[in-house]
Amino acid sequence: MPRAALISVQQLSKHFKVPVRQAGLKNALVSLVNRKFNTVKAVDEISFQIGSGEVVGFLGPNGAGKTTTLKMLTGLLYPTSGSVKVLGYEPSRRRKNYLSLITLVMGNRNQLAWDLPALDSFDLQRAIYGIPETQFRRTRDEFIEMLELKDLVTKPVRNLSLGERMKMEIVAALLHTPRILFLDEPTIGLDVTMQRRIRTFIAGYNRKYHATVLLTSHYMADVEALCRRVIVIHHGKLLFDGALSQLVDSFSAYKTLGATLTNGSGDLSRYGQIMSQDGARVSLRVPRADVSRLTAQLLAEQQVDDLTVEDPPIEEVIEQVFAQGAPQESPA
């Protein structure tokens, strides 16, 4: 359990009733007096806690329940059952003091006025949150400099690129310096350079303000760069909660052994499954339990110029998580 937990989720569920009817006019008329529903369990009894200053990746495929969970944590949705406490508040009550301490950034949603310069929207945020003028200008100018927006803030938002708009959205969302950031796909659709800048900004904000961050992203580079801990959900159920490195150890039974051989000879498959071979360079898939033995054997039997042992890409591990479900407990 994290120390000084700021976010506490206990047996949290959110169910939706979805109307169901067959096609055709007759069925449409029947449904008027005898409507049937299916219950969709978007979030199904998940529990976790997040401590002060943590940056946690919240992972899952589309439809896993990530955004629904974030909406409950921010008070946009009322839970079907279970309990949520954030900074000691119940989010669904939407207390003014609570809302001033959090922010929600959704990569596919806009809050800036489309036809006005971002500076005007920033001023609106100052009025909404009652930010003192001196603090507002200092924070605004600091964020503009960090994200290299000085030449863009006077342009109408509609004239900005997607990446430029996303950076403006982040500035607007953080002007009141919230203690908790809920970030839902903040780099979606952005190029690699823009993703890197936003990641750097989020990391800097976390360090300076000791902010707690819950991040969803389908870009594993975001997760690897920012998060030591990840929470994985699938079909509304929690599959994993722990260190990112532990996720790899729990769900990946293999490592990748890369070697550059001066005079590679014989059957190299005896050292592992050959994934690729390009001249003197060979890549082998090796069972995790056999890495030490097979590496020693390779070094003893071949003339090795270079050798690397790596975990599989995190994307591959996440796919295995979804395919396998929760890992079995290791014997003591």
C-alpha atoms as a PDB file:
ATOM      1  CA  MET A   1       0.000   0.000   0.000  1.00  0.00           C
ATOM      2  CA  PRO A   2       1.519   3.357  -1.007  1.00  0.00           C
ATOM      3  CA  ARG A   3       2.367   5.766   1.794  1.00  0.00           C
ATOM      4  CA  ALA A   4       0.109   8.796   2.145  1.00  0.00           C
ATOM      5  CA  ALA A   5      -2.331   7.477  -0.439  1.00  0.00           C
ATOM      6  CA  LEU A   6      -4.063  10.376  -2.165  1.00  0.00           C
ATOM      7  CA  ILE A   7      -6.236   8.175  -4.380  1.00  0.00           C
ATOM      8  CA  SER A   8      -8.072   5.243  -2.791  1.00  0.00           C
ATOM      9  CA  VAL A   9     -10.340   2.990  -4.862  1.00  0.00           C
ATOM     10  CA  GLN A  10     -12.164   0.100  -3.180  1.00  0.00           C
ATOM     11  CA  GLN A  11     -14.282  -2.457  -5.079  1.00  0.00           C
ATOM     12  CA  LEU A  12     -15.238   0.206  -7.609  1.00  0.00           C
ATOM     13  CA  SER A  13     -17.817  -0.714 -10.252  1.00  0.00           C
ATOM     14  CA  LYS A  14     -19.702   1.076 -12.983  1.00  0.00           C
ATOM     15  CA  HIS A  15     -22.486  -0.726 -14.842  1.00  0.00           C
ATOM     16  CA  PHE A  16     -24.516   0.608 -17.749  1.00  0.00           C
ATOM     17  CA  LYS A  17     -27.926  -0.602 -18.891  1.00  0.00           C
ATOM     18  CA  VAL A  18     -28.000  -0.833 -22.678  1.00  0.00           C
ATOM     19  CA  PRO A  19     -31.358  -1.240 -24.462  1.00  0.00           C
ATOM     20  CA  VAL A  20     -31.606  -4.280 -26.729  1.00  0.00           C
ATOM     21  CA  ARG A  21     -34.104  -5.019 -29.503  1.00  0.00           C
ATOM     22  CA  GLN A  22     -34.218  -6.953 -32.723  1.00  0.00           C
ATOM     23  CA  ALA A  23     -34.409  -5.248 -36.109  1.00  0.00           C
ATOM     24  CA  GLY A  24     -37.730  -4.585 -37.760  1.00  0.00           C
ATOM     25  CA  LEU A  25     -40.836  -2.458 -37.246  1.00  0.00           C
ATOM     26  CA  LYS A  26     -42.686  -5.085 -35.191  1.00  0.00           C
ATOM     27  CA  ASN A  27     -39.801  -5.431 -32.731  1.00  0.00           C
ATOM     28  CA  ALA A  28     -39.518  -1.654 -32.521  1.00  0.00           C
ATOM     29  CA  LEU A  29     -43.197  -1.407 -31.503  1.00  0.00           C
ATOM     30  CA  VAL A  30     -42.831  -4.245 -28.977  1.00  0.00           C
ATOM     31  CA  SER A  31     -39.820  -2.514 -27.401  1.00  0.00           C
ATOM     32  CA  LEU A  32     -41.986   0.536 -26.664  1.00  0.00           C
ATOM     33  CA  VAL A  33     -43.972  -1.415 -24.072  1.00  0.00           C
ATOM     34  CA  ASN A  34     -41.582  -4.228 -23.223  1.00  0.00           C
ATOM     35  CA  ARG A  35     -38.062  -2.828 -23.376  1.00  0.00           C
ATOM     36  CA  LYS A  36     -35.207  -5.202 -22.616  1.00  0.00           C
ATOM     37  CA  PHE A  37     -31.770  -4.279 -21.383  1.00  0.00           C
ATOM     38  CA  ASN A  38     -28.331  -5.801 -21.145  1.00  0.00           C
ATOM     39  CA  THR A  39     -26.025  -4.817 -18.308  1.00  0.00           C
ATOM     40  CA  VAL A  40     -22.519  -3.837 -19.406  1.00  0.00           C
ATOM     41  CA  LYS A  41     -19.912  -3.967 -16.647  1.00  0.00           C
ATOM     42  CA  ALA A  42     -17.565  -1.204 -17.783  1.00  0.00           C
ATOM     43  CA  VAL A  43     -15.667  -1.345 -14.481  1.00  0.00           C
ATOM     44  CA  ASP A  44     -16.023  -4.397 -12.255  1.00  0.00           C
ATOM     45  CA  GLU A  45     -14.877  -4.229  -8.620  1.00  0.00           C
ATOM     46  CA  ILE A  46     -11.378  -2.827  -9.033  1.00  0.00           C
ATOM     47  CA  SER A  47      -9.277  -1.672  -6.080  1.00  0.00           C
ATOM     48  CA  PHE A  48      -6.006   0.265  -5.936  1.00  0.00           C
ATOM     49  CA  GLN A  49      -4.286   3.098  -4.091  1.00  0.00           C
ATOM     50  CA  ILE A  50      -1.910   5.754  -5.399  1.00  0.00           C
ATOM     51  CA  GLY A  51       0.474   7.682  -3.177  1.00  0.00           C
ATOM     52  CA  SER A  52       1.624  11.278  -3.201  1.00  0.00           C
ATOM     53  CA  GLY A  53       3.943  12.129  -6.089  1.00  0.00           C
ATOM     54  CA  GLU A  54       3.508   8.824  -7.928  1.00  0.00           C
ATOM     55  CA  VAL A  55       3.248   8.681 -11.722  1.00  0.00           C
ATOM     56  CA  VAL A  56       1.206   5.584 -12.543  1.00  0.00           C
ATOM     57  CA  GLY A  57       0.396   4.155 -15.951  1.00  0.00           C
ATOM     58  CA  PHE A  58      -3.216   3.015 -16.335  1.00  0.00           C
ATOM     59  CA  LEU A  59      -3.219   0.495 -19.175  1.00  0.00           C
ATOM     60  CA  GLY A  60      -5.743  -1.565 -21.075  1.00  0.00           C
ATOM     61  CA  PRO A  61      -7.137  -2.057 -24.587  1.00  0.00           C
ATOM     62  CA  ASN A  62      -9.966   0.044 -25.979  1.00  0.00           C
ATOM     63  CA  GLY A  63     -13.110  -0.614 -23.961  1.00  0.00           C
ATOM     64  CA  ALA A  64     -11.218  -1.894 -20.920  1.00  0.00           C
ATOM     65  CA  GLY A  65     -12.758   0.712 -18.605  1.00  0.00           C
ATOM     66  CA  LYS A  66      -9.890   3.196 -18.298  1.00  0.00           C
ATOM     67  CA  THR A  67     -11.759   6.358 -19.274  1.00  0.00           C
ATOM     68  CA  THR A  68     -14.811   5.301 -17.262  1.00  0.00           C
ATOM     69  CA  THR A  69     -12.586   4.947 -14.203  1.00  0.00           C
ATOM     70  CA  LEU A  70     -11.028   8.366 -14.754  1.00  0.00           C
ATOM     71  CA  LYS A  71     -14.483   9.913 -15.068  1.00  0.00           C
ATOM     72  CA  MET A  72     -15.465   8.398 -11.712  1.00  0.00           C
ATOM     73  CA  LEU A  73     -12.240   9.652 -10.129  1.00  0.00           C
ATOM     74  CA  THR A  74     -12.969  13.172 -11.355  1.00  0.00           C
ATOM     75  CA  GLY A  75     -16.672  13.098 -10.458  1.00  0.00           C
ATOM     76  CA  LEU A  76     -18.069  13.056 -13.994  1.00  0.00           C
ATOM     77  CA  LEU A  77     -19.683   9.666 -13.385  1.00  0.00           C
ATOM     78  CA  TYR A  78     -21.308   8.278 -10.255  1.00  0.00           C
ATOM     79  CA  PRO A  79     -20.162   4.750  -9.298  1.00  0.00           C
ATOM     80  CA  THR A  80     -22.637   1.869  -9.344  1.00  0.00           C
ATOM     81  CA  SER A  81     -20.954   0.436  -6.257  1.00  0.00           C
ATOM     82  CA  GLY A  82     -17.738   0.637  -4.276  1.00  0.00           C
ATOM     83  CA  SER A  83     -15.994   3.698  -2.910  1.00  0.00           C
ATOM     84  CA  VAL A  84     -13.608   6.365  -4.203  1.00  0.00           C
ATOM     85  CA  LYS A  85     -11.656   8.887  -2.186  1.00  0.00           C
ATOM     86  CA  VAL A  86      -9.310  11.414  -3.780  1.00  0.00           C
ATOM     87  CA  LEU A  87      -7.500  13.820  -1.450  1.00  0.00           C
ATOM     88  CA  GLY A  88     -10.087  12.847   1.148  1.00  0.00           C
ATOM     89  CA  TYR A  89     -13.005  13.932  -1.069  1.00  0.00           C
ATOM     90  CA  GLU A  90     -15.753  11.909  -2.716  1.00  0.00           C
ATOM     91  CA  PRO A  91     -15.361  12.970  -6.367  1.00  0.00           C
ATOM     92  CA  SER A  92     -19.050  12.528  -7.231  1.00  0.00           C
ATOM     93  CA  ARG A  93     -19.965  15.364  -4.850  1.00  0.00           C
ATOM     94  CA  ARG A  94     -18.044  17.773  -7.128  1.00  0.00           C
ATOM     95  CA  ARG A  95     -16.958  20.028  -4.269  1.00  0.00           C
ATOM     96  CA  LYS A  96     -15.422  23.310  -5.414  1.00  0.00           C
ATOM     97  CA  ASN A  97     -12.341  22.764  -3.233  1.00  0.00           C
ATOM     98  CA  TYR A  98     -11.845  19.328  -4.751  1.00  0.00           C
ATOM     99  CA  LEU A  99     -12.146  20.512  -8.339  1.00  0.00           C
ATOM    100  CA  SER A 100      -9.493  23.167  -7.695  1.00  0.00           C
ATOM    101  CA  LEU A 101      -7.005  20.436  -6.746  1.00  0.00           C
ATOM    102  CA  ILE A 102      -7.328  18.170  -9.787  1.00  0.00           C
ATOM    103  CA  THR A 103      -7.351  18.333 -13.558  1.00  0.00           C
ATOM    104  CA  LEU A 104      -8.459  16.005 -16.354  1.00  0.00           C
ATOM    105  CA  VAL A 105      -6.770  16.188 -19.751  1.00  0.00           C
ATOM    106  CA  MET A 106      -8.338  14.150 -22.541  1.00  0.00           C
ATOM    107  CA  GLY A 107      -6.370  13.965 -25.764  1.00  0.00           C
ATOM    108  CA  ASN A 108      -9.520  13.793 -27.897  1.00  0.00           C
ATOM    109  CA  ARG A 109     -11.384  16.677 -26.178  1.00  0.00           C
ATOM    110  CA  ASN A 110     -10.885  20.438 -26.481  1.00  0.00           C
ATOM    111  CA  GLN A 111     -11.546  23.122 -23.881  1.00  0.00           C
ATOM    112  CA  LEU A 112      -9.965  26.094 -25.656  1.00  0.00           C
ATOM    113  CA  ALA A 113     -12.085  28.632 -27.547  1.00  0.00           C
ATOM    114  CA  TRP A 114     -11.649  27.685 -31.207  1.00  0.00           C
ATOM    115  CA  ASP A 115     -11.661  31.187 -32.745  1.00  0.00           C
ATOM    116  CA  LEU A 116      -9.705  32.993 -30.020  1.00  0.00           C
ATOM    117  CA  PRO A 117      -6.003  33.032 -29.131  1.00  0.00           C
ATOM    118  CA  ALA A 118      -5.045  30.628 -26.354  1.00  0.00           C
ATOM    119  CA  LEU A 119      -4.123  33.597 -24.158  1.00  0.00           C
ATOM    120  CA  ASP A 120      -7.818  34.505 -23.916  1.00  0.00           C
ATOM    121  CA  SER A 121      -8.696  30.974 -22.793  1.00  0.00           C
ATOM    122  CA  PHE A 122      -5.890  31.154 -20.234  1.00  0.00           C
ATOM    123  CA  ASP A 123      -7.453  34.323 -18.814  1.00  0.00           C
ATOM    124  CA  LEU A 124     -10.782  32.530 -18.581  1.00  0.00           C
ATOM    125  CA  GLN A 125      -9.146  29.736 -16.582  1.00  0.00           C
ATOM    126  CA  ARG A 126      -7.695  32.351 -14.211  1.00  0.00           C
ATOM    127  CA  ALA A 127     -11.191  33.745 -13.603  1.00  0.00           C
ATOM    128  CA  ILE A 128     -12.769  30.299 -13.154  1.00  0.00           C
ATOM    129  CA  TYR A 129     -10.215  29.171 -10.580  1.00  0.00           C
ATOM    130  CA  GLY A 130      -9.704  32.562  -8.964  1.00  0.00           C
ATOM    131  CA  ILE A 131      -5.943  32.430  -9.481  1.00  0.00           C
ATOM    132  CA  PRO A 132      -4.147  35.534  -8.121  1.00  0.00           C
ATOM    133  CA  GLU A 133      -2.874  37.698 -10.989  1.00  0.00           C
ATOM    134  CA  THR A 134       0.803  37.520 -10.022  1.00  0.00           C
ATOM    135  CA  GLN A 135       0.738  33.739  -9.587  1.00  0.00           C
ATOM    136  CA  PHE A 136      -1.205  33.318 -12.830  1.00  0.00           C
ATOM    137  CA  ARG A 137       1.266  35.319 -14.922  1.00  0.00           C
ATOM    138  CA  ARG A 138       4.266  33.571 -13.385  1.00  0.00           C
ATOM    139  CA  THR A 139       2.832  30.087 -13.953  1.00  0.00           C
ATOM    140  CA  ARG A 140       1.523  30.896 -17.436  1.00  0.00           C
ATOM    141  CA  ASP A 141       4.839  32.330 -18.620  1.00  0.00           C
ATOM    142  CA  GLU A 142       6.771  29.417 -17.120  1.00  0.00           C
ATOM    143  CA  PHE A 143       4.626  26.839 -18.937  1.00  0.00           C
ATOM    144  CA  ILE A 144       4.737  28.788 -22.207  1.00  0.00           C
ATOM    145  CA  GLU A 145       8.530  28.823 -22.051  1.00  0.00           C
ATOM    146  CA  MET A 146       8.797  25.125 -21.127  1.00  0.00           C
ATOM    147  CA  LEU A 147       6.608  24.106 -24.062  1.00  0.00           C
ATOM    148  CA  GLU A 148       8.060  26.654 -26.505  1.00  0.00           C
ATOM    149  CA  LEU A 149       4.730  28.381 -27.171  1.00  0.00           C
ATOM    150  CA  LYS A 150       5.746  32.049 -27.079  1.00  0.00           C
ATOM    151  CA  ASP A 151       5.151  32.651 -30.797  1.00  0.00           C
ATOM    152  CA  LEU A 152       1.873  30.697 -30.850  1.00  0.00           C
ATOM    153  CA  VAL A 153      -0.247  31.955 -27.948  1.00  0.00           C
ATOM    154  CA  THR A 154      -1.518  34.978 -29.892  1.00  0.00           C
ATOM    155  CA  LYS A 155      -2.759  32.900 -32.842  1.00  0.00           C
ATOM    156  CA  PRO A 156      -6.383  31.669 -33.009  1.00  0.00           C
ATOM    157  CA  VAL A 157      -6.502  28.093 -31.782  1.00  0.00           C
ATOM    158  CA  ARG A 158      -8.040  26.930 -35.085  1.00  0.00           C
ATOM    159  CA  ASN A 159      -4.804  27.941 -36.863  1.00  0.00           C
ATOM    160  CA  LEU A 160      -2.604  25.693 -34.701  1.00  0.00           C
ATOM    161  CA  SER A 161      -1.456  22.180 -35.516  1.00  0.00           C
ATOM    162  CA  LEU A 162      -2.735  19.234 -33.477  1.00  0.00           C
ATOM    163  CA  GLY A 163       0.478  19.085 -31.441  1.00  0.00           C
ATOM    164  CA  GLU A 164       0.459  22.826 -30.784  1.00  0.00           C
ATOM    165  CA  ARG A 165      -3.183  22.683 -29.666  1.00  0.00           C
ATOM    166  CA  MET A 166      -2.438  19.782 -27.346  1.00  0.00           C
ATOM    167  CA  LYS A 167       0.344  21.738 -25.664  1.00  0.00           C
ATOM    168  CA  MET A 168      -2.017  24.704 -25.235  1.00  0.00           C
ATOM    169  CA  GLU A 169      -4.633  22.384 -23.725  1.00  0.00           C
ATOM    170  CA  ILE A 170      -2.110  21.120 -21.179  1.00  0.00           C
ATOM    171  CA  VAL A 171      -1.101  24.652 -20.195  1.00  0.00           C
ATOM    172  CA  ALA A 172      -4.752  25.640 -19.728  1.00  0.00           C
ATOM    173  CA  ALA A 173      -5.437  22.525 -17.637  1.00  0.00           C
ATOM    174  CA  LEU A 174      -2.488  23.128 -15.292  1.00  0.00           C
ATOM    175  CA  LEU A 175      -2.622  26.898 -14.725  1.00  0.00           C
ATOM    176  CA  HIS A 176      -4.209  26.381 -11.299  1.00  0.00           C
ATOM    177  CA  THR A 177      -1.285  24.034 -10.426  1.00  0.00           C
ATOM    178  CA  PRO A 178      -3.386  20.981  -9.477  1.00  0.00           C
ATOM    179  CA  ARG A 179      -2.033  18.358  -7.105  1.00  0.00           C
ATOM    180  CA  ILE A 180      -3.460  15.437  -9.102  1.00  0.00           C
ATOM    181  CA  LEU A 181      -3.345  15.022 -12.887  1.00  0.00           C
ATOM    182  CA  PHE A 182      -5.637  12.594 -14.678  1.00  0.00           C
ATOM    183  CA  LEU A 183      -4.242  12.316 -18.196  1.00  0.00           C
ATOM    184  CA  ASP A 184      -6.252  10.348 -20.766  1.00  0.00           C
ATOM    185  CA  GLU A 185      -4.202   9.809 -23.936  1.00  0.00           C
ATOM    186  CA  PRO A 186      -2.471  13.234 -23.789  1.00  0.00           C
ATOM    187  CA  THR A 187      -0.183  12.429 -26.741  1.00  0.00           C
ATOM    188  CA  ILE A 188      -2.714  10.718 -29.006  1.00  0.00           C
ATOM    189  CA  GLY A 189      -2.133  11.447 -32.697  1.00  0.00           C
ATOM    190  CA  LEU A 190       1.057  13.440 -32.103  1.00  0.00           C
ATOM    191  CA  ASP A 191       4.397  12.909 -33.813  1.00  0.00           C
ATOM    192  CA  VAL A 192       7.364  11.467 -31.936  1.00  0.00           C
ATOM    193  CA  THR A 193       9.005  14.847 -31.299  1.00  0.00           C
ATOM    194  CA  MET A 194       5.818  16.368 -29.874  1.00  0.00           C
ATOM    195  CA  GLN A 195       5.210  13.310 -27.705  1.00  0.00           C
ATOM    196  CA  ARG A 196       8.696  13.659 -26.258  1.00  0.00           C
ATOM    197  CA  ARG A 197       8.187  17.346 -25.423  1.00  0.00           C
ATOM    198  CA  ILE A 198       4.922  16.673 -23.637  1.00  0.00           C
ATOM    199  CA  ARG A 199       6.464  13.786 -21.684  1.00  0.00           C
ATOM    200  CA  THR A 200       9.345  16.036 -20.620  1.00  0.00           C
ATOM    201  CA  PHE A 201       6.888  18.703 -19.496  1.00  0.00           C
ATOM    202  CA  ILE A 202       4.796  16.235 -17.457  1.00  0.00           C
ATOM    203  CA  ALA A 203       7.923  14.843 -15.782  1.00  0.00           C
ATOM    204  CA  GLY A 204       9.092  18.371 -14.951  1.00  0.00           C
ATOM    205  CA  TYR A 205       5.708  19.318 -13.507  1.00  0.00           C
ATOM    206  CA  ASN A 206       5.685  16.155 -11.383  1.00  0.00           C
ATOM    207  CA  ARG A 207       9.120  16.968  -9.946  1.00  0.00           C
ATOM    208  CA  LYS A 208       8.476  20.655  -9.253  1.00  0.00           C
ATOM    209  CA  TYR A 209       4.984  20.381  -7.769  1.00  0.00           C
ATOM    210  CA  HIS A 210       5.256  16.821  -6.412  1.00  0.00           C
ATOM    211  CA  ALA A 211       2.059  16.132  -8.328  1.00  0.00           C
ATOM    212  CA  THR A 212       0.404  12.731  -8.494  1.00  0.00           C
ATOM    213  CA  VAL A 213      -0.277  11.541 -12.056  1.00  0.00           C
ATOM    214  CA  LEU A 214      -2.546   8.800 -13.400  1.00  0.00           C
ATOM    215  CA  LEU A 215      -1.799   8.368 -17.099  1.00  0.00           C
ATOM    216  CA  THR A 216      -3.539   6.337 -19.788  1.00  0.00           C
ATOM    217  CA  SER A 217      -1.764   5.931 -23.098  1.00  0.00           C
ATOM    218  CA  HIS A 218      -1.522   3.483 -25.978  1.00  0.00           C
ATOM    219  CA  TYR A 219       2.010   4.744 -26.641  1.00  0.00           C
ATOM    220  CA  MET A 220       4.247   2.573 -24.506  1.00  0.00           C
ATOM    221  CA  ALA A 221       7.048   5.129 -24.874  1.00  0.00           C
ATOM    222  CA  ASP A 222       4.945   7.434 -22.666  1.00  0.00           C
ATOM    223  CA  VAL A 223       4.608   4.747 -20.023  1.00  0.00           C
ATOM    224  CA  GLU A 224       8.263   3.673 -20.076  1.00  0.00           C
ATOM    225  CA  ALA A 225       9.478   7.277 -19.856  1.00  0.00           C
ATOM    226  CA  LEU A 226       7.175   8.427 -17.053  1.00  0.00           C
ATOM    227  CA  CYS A 227       5.889   5.476 -15.018  1.00  0.00           C
ATOM    228  CA  ARG A 228       7.616   3.125 -12.621  1.00  0.00           C
ATOM    229  CA  ARG A 229       4.294   1.543 -11.683  1.00  0.00           C
ATOM    230  CA  VAL A 230       1.449   0.369 -13.902  1.00  0.00           C
ATOM    231  CA  ILE A 231      -2.128  -0.732 -13.328  1.00  0.00           C
ATOM    232  CA  VAL A 232      -3.577  -2.973 -16.043  1.00  0.00           C
ATOM    233  CA  ILE A 233      -7.306  -3.573 -16.517  1.00  0.00           C
ATOM    234  CA  HIS A 234      -9.170  -5.635 -19.113  1.00  0.00           C
ATOM    235  CA  HIS A 235     -12.947  -6.057 -19.495  1.00  0.00           C
ATOM    236  CA  GLY A 236     -13.323  -3.865 -16.408  1.00  0.00           C
ATOM    237  CA  LYS A 237     -11.252  -6.206 -14.229  1.00  0.00           C
ATOM    238  CA  LEU A 238      -7.894  -5.393 -12.659  1.00  0.00           C
ATOM    239  CA  LEU A 239      -5.215  -7.758 -14.006  1.00  0.00           C
ATOM    240  CA  PHE A 240      -2.026  -6.295 -12.606  1.00  0.00           C
ATOM    241  CA  ASP A 241      -0.830  -3.597 -10.203  1.00  0.00           C
ATOM    242  CA  GLY A 242       2.886  -3.238  -9.620  1.00  0.00           C
ATOM    243  CA  ALA A 243       6.243  -2.101 -10.944  1.00  0.00           C
ATOM    244  CA  LEU A 244       6.678  -1.936 -14.704  1.00  0.00           C
ATOM    245  CA  SER A 245       9.746  -4.170 -14.397  1.00  0.00           C
ATOM    246  CA  GLN A 246       7.688  -6.686 -12.406  1.00  0.00           C
ATOM    247  CA  LEU A 247       5.083  -6.726 -15.171  1.00  0.00           C
ATOM    248  CA  VAL A 248       7.763  -7.883 -17.608  1.00  0.00           C
ATOM    249  CA  ASP A 249       9.020 -10.544 -15.185  1.00  0.00           C
ATOM    250  CA  SER A 250       5.494 -11.811 -14.471  1.00  0.00           C
ATOM    251  CA  PHE A 251       4.202 -12.118 -18.010  1.00  0.00           C
ATOM    252  CA  SER A 252       7.225 -12.666 -20.234  1.00  0.00           C
ATOM    253  CA  ALA A 253       8.808 -16.113 -20.213  1.00  0.00           C
ATOM    254  CA  TYR A 254      11.524 -15.110 -22.696  1.00  0.00           C
ATOM    255  CA  LYS A 255      14.388 -12.702 -23.188  1.00  0.00           C
ATOM    256  CA  THR A 256      16.062 -11.610 -26.413  1.00  0.00           C
ATOM    257  CA  LEU A 257      19.731 -12.465 -26.785  1.00  0.00           C
ATOM    258  CA  GLY A 258      21.557 -10.474 -29.478  1.00  0.00           C
ATOM    259  CA  ALA A 259      25.083 -11.442 -30.524  1.00  0.00           C
ATOM    260  CA  THR A 260      27.621 -10.387 -33.141  1.00  0.00           C
ATOM    261  CA  LEU A 261      29.759 -13.401 -34.033  1.00  0.00           C
ATOM    262  CA  THR A 262      33.133 -13.232 -35.801  1.00  0.00           C
ATOM    263  CA  ASN A 263      32.921 -16.761 -37.157  1.00  0.00           C
ATOM    264  CA  GLY A 264      29.503 -18.077 -36.297  1.00  0.00           C
ATOM    265  CA  SER A 265      29.412 -21.777 -37.099  1.00  0.00           C
ATOM    266  CA  GLY A 266      27.243 -24.785 -36.541  1.00  0.00           C
ATOM    267  CA  ASP A 267      23.593 -24.820 -35.564  1.00  0.00           C
ATOM    268  CA  LEU A 268      22.951 -21.557 -33.703  1.00  0.00           C
ATOM    269  CA  SER A 269      19.435 -22.692 -32.849  1.00  0.00           C
ATOM    270  CA  ARG A 270      20.918 -24.753 -30.011  1.00  0.00           C
ATOM    271  CA  TYR A 271      21.318 -21.432 -28.153  1.00  0.00           C
ATOM    272  CA  GLY A 272      17.674 -20.419 -28.607  1.00  0.00           C
ATOM    273  CA  GLN A 273      15.013 -19.763 -31.218  1.00  0.00           C
ATOM    274  CA  ILE A 274      16.507 -17.731 -34.070  1.00  0.00           C
ATOM    275  CA  MET A 275      14.384 -14.599 -34.511  1.00  0.00           C
ATOM    276  CA  SER A 276      16.577 -12.942 -37.136  1.00  0.00           C
ATOM    277  CA  GLN A 277      20.057 -13.291 -38.635  1.00  0.00           C
ATOM    278  CA  ASP A 278      21.790 -10.621 -40.680  1.00  0.00           C
ATOM    279  CA  GLY A 279      25.367 -11.479 -41.521  1.00  0.00           C
ATOM    280  CA  ALA A 280      27.321 -11.796 -38.298  1.00  0.00           C
ATOM    281  CA  ARG A 281      24.423 -10.494 -36.168  1.00  0.00           C
ATOM    282  CA  VAL A 282      21.934 -12.982 -34.754  1.00  0.00           C
ATOM    283  CA  SER A 283      18.908 -12.428 -32.518  1.00  0.00           C
ATOM    284  CA  LEU A 284      17.744 -15.347 -30.365  1.00  0.00           C
ATOM    285  CA  ARG A 285      14.622 -15.884 -28.271  1.00  0.00           C
ATOM    286  CA  VAL A 286      15.733 -17.560 -25.051  1.00  0.00           C
ATOM    287  CA  PRO A 287      13.620 -18.917 -22.161  1.00  0.00           C
ATOM    288  CA  ARG A 288      14.123 -16.649 -19.155  1.00  0.00           C
ATOM    289  CA  ALA A 289      15.167 -19.556 -16.925  1.00  0.00           C
ATOM    290  CA  ASP A 290      17.903 -20.620 -19.380  1.00  0.00           C
ATOM    291  CA  VAL A 291      19.454 -17.218 -20.129  1.00  0.00           C
ATOM    292  CA  SER A 292      22.535 -17.637 -17.910  1.00  0.00           C
ATOM    293  CA  ARG A 293      23.297 -21.175 -19.113  1.00  0.00           C
ATOM    294  CA  LEU A 294      22.807 -20.465 -22.822  1.00  0.00           C
ATOM    295  CA  THR A 295      24.754 -17.182 -22.657  1.00  0.00           C
ATOM    296  CA  ALA A 296      27.695 -18.948 -21.019  1.00  0.00           C
ATOM    297  CA  GLN A 297      27.518 -21.718 -23.611  1.00  0.00           C
ATOM    298  CA  LEU A 298      27.465 -19.243 -26.480  1.00  0.00           C
ATOM    299  CA  LEU A 299      30.474 -17.350 -25.101  1.00  0.00           C
ATOM    300  CA  ALA A 300      32.403 -20.594 -24.605  1.00  0.00           C
ATOM    301  CA  GLU A 301      31.674 -22.061 -28.036  1.00  0.00           C
ATOM    302  CA  GLN A 302      31.606 -18.997 -30.326  1.00  0.00           C
ATOM    303  CA  GLN A 303      33.843 -15.988 -30.937  1.00  0.00           C
ATOM    304  CA  VAL A 304      31.548 -13.217 -29.729  1.00  0.00           C
ATOM    305  CA  ASP A 305      32.330  -9.564 -30.534  1.00  0.00           C
ATOM    306  CA  ASP A 306      29.199  -8.117 -28.946  1.00  0.00           C
ATOM    307  CA  LEU A 307      26.425  -9.478 -26.734  1.00  0.00           C
ATOM    308  CA  THR A 308      23.147  -8.025 -25.416  1.00  0.00           C
ATOM    309  CA  VAL A 309      20.392  -9.540 -23.291  1.00  0.00           C
ATOM    310  CA  GLU A 310      17.106  -7.635 -23.331  1.00  0.00           C
ATOM    311  CA  ASP A 311      13.531  -7.971 -22.188  1.00  0.00           C
ATOM    312  CA  PRO A 312      10.933  -8.108 -24.981  1.00  0.00           C
ATOM    313  CA  PRO A 313       9.322  -4.831 -26.060  1.00  0.00           C
ATOM    314  CA  ILE A 314       6.747  -3.619 -23.532  1.00  0.00           C
ATOM    315  CA  GLU A 315       4.062  -3.678 -26.250  1.00  0.00           C
ATOM    316  CA  GLU A 316       4.609  -7.421 -26.619  1.00  0.00           C
ATOM    317  CA  VAL A 317       4.400  -7.931 -22.860  1.00  0.00           C
ATOM    318  CA  ILE A 318       1.138  -5.979 -22.641  1.00  0.00           C
ATOM    319  CA  GLU A 319      -0.357  -8.165 -25.389  1.00  0.00           C
ATOM    320  CA  GLN A 320       0.595 -11.221 -23.345  1.00  0.00           C
ATOM    321  CA  VAL A 321      -1.080  -9.701 -20.287  1.00  0.00           C
ATOM    322  CA  PHE A 322      -4.355  -9.353 -22.162  1.00  0.00           C
ATOM    323  CA  ALA A 323      -4.057 -12.856 -23.601  1.00  0.00           C
ATOM    324  CA  GLN A 324      -3.082 -14.659 -20.381  1.00  0.00           C
ATOM    325  CA  GLY A 325      -4.962 -12.729 -17.676  1.00  0.00           C
ATOM    326  CA  ALA A 326      -3.529 -12.343 -14.185  1.00  0.00           C
ATOM    327  CA  PRO A 327      -0.271 -14.209 -13.497  1.00  0.00           C
ATOM    328  CA  GLN A 328      -0.238 -17.167 -11.162  1.00  0.00           C
ATOM    329  CA  GLU A 329       1.342 -16.734  -7.744  1.00  0.00           C
ATOM    330  CA  SER A 330       4.913 -17.965  -7.649  1.00  0.00           C
ATOM    331  CA  PRO A 331       5.594 -20.701  -5.076  1.00  0.00           C
ATOM    332  CA  ALA A 332       7.370 -19.556  -1.946  1.00  0.00           C
END
